[in-house]
Protein backbone atom coordinates (compact mmCIF):
# COMPACT_ATOMS: atom_id res chain seq x y z
CA ASN A 1 126.97 143.32 159.97
CA VAL A 2 123.43 143.19 158.57
CA GLU A 3 123.99 146.51 156.88
CA ARG A 4 127.12 145.20 155.24
CA THR A 5 125.29 142.17 153.94
CA LYS A 6 122.53 144.32 152.47
CA ARG A 7 125.09 146.55 150.73
CA PHE A 8 126.86 143.51 149.33
CA GLN A 9 123.55 142.06 148.10
CA ARG A 10 122.64 145.35 146.37
CA PHE A 11 126.12 145.53 144.83
CA ALA A 12 125.93 141.90 143.70
CA CYS A 13 122.43 142.44 142.31
CA ARG A 14 123.56 145.51 140.33
CA HIS A 15 126.64 143.67 139.14
CA ILE A 16 124.58 140.66 137.99
CA THR A 17 122.09 142.97 136.27
CA MET A 18 124.93 144.80 134.52
CA SER A 19 126.55 141.49 133.55
CA THR A 20 123.24 140.22 132.19
CA ASP A 21 122.83 143.40 130.14
CA VAL A 22 126.37 143.11 128.81
CA VAL A 23 125.80 139.48 127.84
CA ALA A 24 122.43 140.28 126.26
CA ASN A 25 123.99 143.14 124.27
CA ALA A 26 126.86 140.90 123.18
CA ILE A 27 124.43 138.21 122.05
CA GLN A 28 122.32 140.74 120.16
CA LYS A 29 125.41 142.20 118.47
CA ASP A 30 126.58 138.68 117.59
CA TRP A 31 123.22 137.91 115.93
CA GLN A 32 123.31 141.19 114.02
CA THR A 33 126.82 140.38 112.81
CA ARG A 34 125.76 136.89 111.77
CA GLU A 35 122.73 138.26 109.89
CA TYR A 36 124.95 140.79 108.09
CA ILE A 37 127.42 138.06 107.14
CA GLU A 38 124.52 135.91 105.87
CA VAL A 39 123.19 138.78 103.73
CA VAL A 40 126.66 139.41 102.28
CA SER A 41 127.16 135.69 101.60
CA VAL A 42 123.79 135.33 99.86
CA ASN A 43 124.43 138.38 97.70
CA MET A 44 127.92 137.14 96.81
CA LYS A 45 126.42 133.80 95.77
CA LYS A 46 123.86 135.60 93.60
CA LEU A 47 126.64 137.65 92.00
CA VAL A 48 128.76 134.59 91.30
CA ASP A 49 125.73 132.78 89.81
CA PHE A 50 125.00 135.79 87.60
CA LEU A 51 128.61 136.01 86.43
CA ASN A 52 128.74 132.28 85.65
CA ASN A 53 125.49 132.48 83.66
CA PHE A 54 126.74 135.60 81.89
CA ASP A 55 130.00 133.83 81.04
CA LEU A 56 128.15 130.84 79.55
CA SER A 57 125.83 133.11 77.59
CA ILE A 58 128.65 135.21 76.19
CA ARG A 59 130.73 132.16 75.28
CA PHE A 60 127.75 130.73 73.38
CA LYS A 61 127.12 134.02 71.57
CA LEU A 62 130.80 134.41 70.70
CA ALA A 63 130.91 130.87 69.32
CA LYS A 64 127.88 131.64 67.13
CA LEU A 65 129.52 134.88 66.00
CA THR A 66 132.77 133.05 65.21
CA GLU A 67 130.84 130.54 63.08
CA ARG A 68 129.08 133.37 61.24
CA VAL A 69 132.36 135.24 60.59
CA ALA A 70 134.00 132.04 59.31
CA SER A 71 131.03 131.48 56.98
CA LEU A 72 131.24 135.03 55.69
CA GLU A 73 135.00 134.70 55.16
CA ARG A 74 134.42 131.55 53.09
CA GLN A 75 131.79 133.39 51.02
CA VAL A 76 134.17 136.30 50.44
CA GLU A 77 136.93 133.90 49.37
CA TYR A 78 134.51 132.20 46.97
CA LEU A 79 133.38 135.53 45.52
CA GLU A 80 136.99 136.68 45.15
CA ALA A 81 137.80 133.45 43.32
CA CYS A 82 134.79 133.92 41.03
CA TYR A 83 135.73 137.54 40.37
CA SER A 84 139.34 136.67 39.55
CA THR A 85 138.14 133.91 37.21
CA VAL A 86 135.82 136.35 35.41
CA GLU A 87 138.58 138.94 35.33
CA ASP A 88 141.04 136.40 33.86
CA PHE A 89 138.41 135.36 31.30
CA ASN A 90 137.81 138.99 30.31
CA LYS A 91 141.54 139.60 29.93
CA GLY A 92 141.74 136.58 27.65
CA GLU A 93 138.91 137.89 25.47
CA THR A 94 140.44 141.34 25.32
CA SER A 95 143.81 139.87 24.23
CA GLY A 96 142.09 137.81 21.56
CA GLN A 97 140.21 140.87 20.22
CA GLU A 98 143.41 142.92 20.08
CA GLU A 99 145.08 140.16 18.08
CA GLU A 100 142.10 140.06 15.70
CA ASP A 101 142.19 143.85 15.27
CA ALA A 102 145.85 143.81 14.43
């Protein structure tokens, strides 16, 4: 009977030790998983922040570019109007000279 009790105690002791190791390994794996998730979350936040800042920067630059293109288009329209006015004036002078020559 004493021998049986000693065997049971050794078995129980090994079982408890194994259970403790299993629990310790599970806890360690859980912490590693949590740390990995934290690293991924932090890096995702950094990426989202970068993309938001990039978006704002690009929108600002595109707005400036749009203003510049609109300004250049107005200048081209003005120059075209000036050129057509000069061209019309020159045609008028040429017609008047042809009439004088005739």
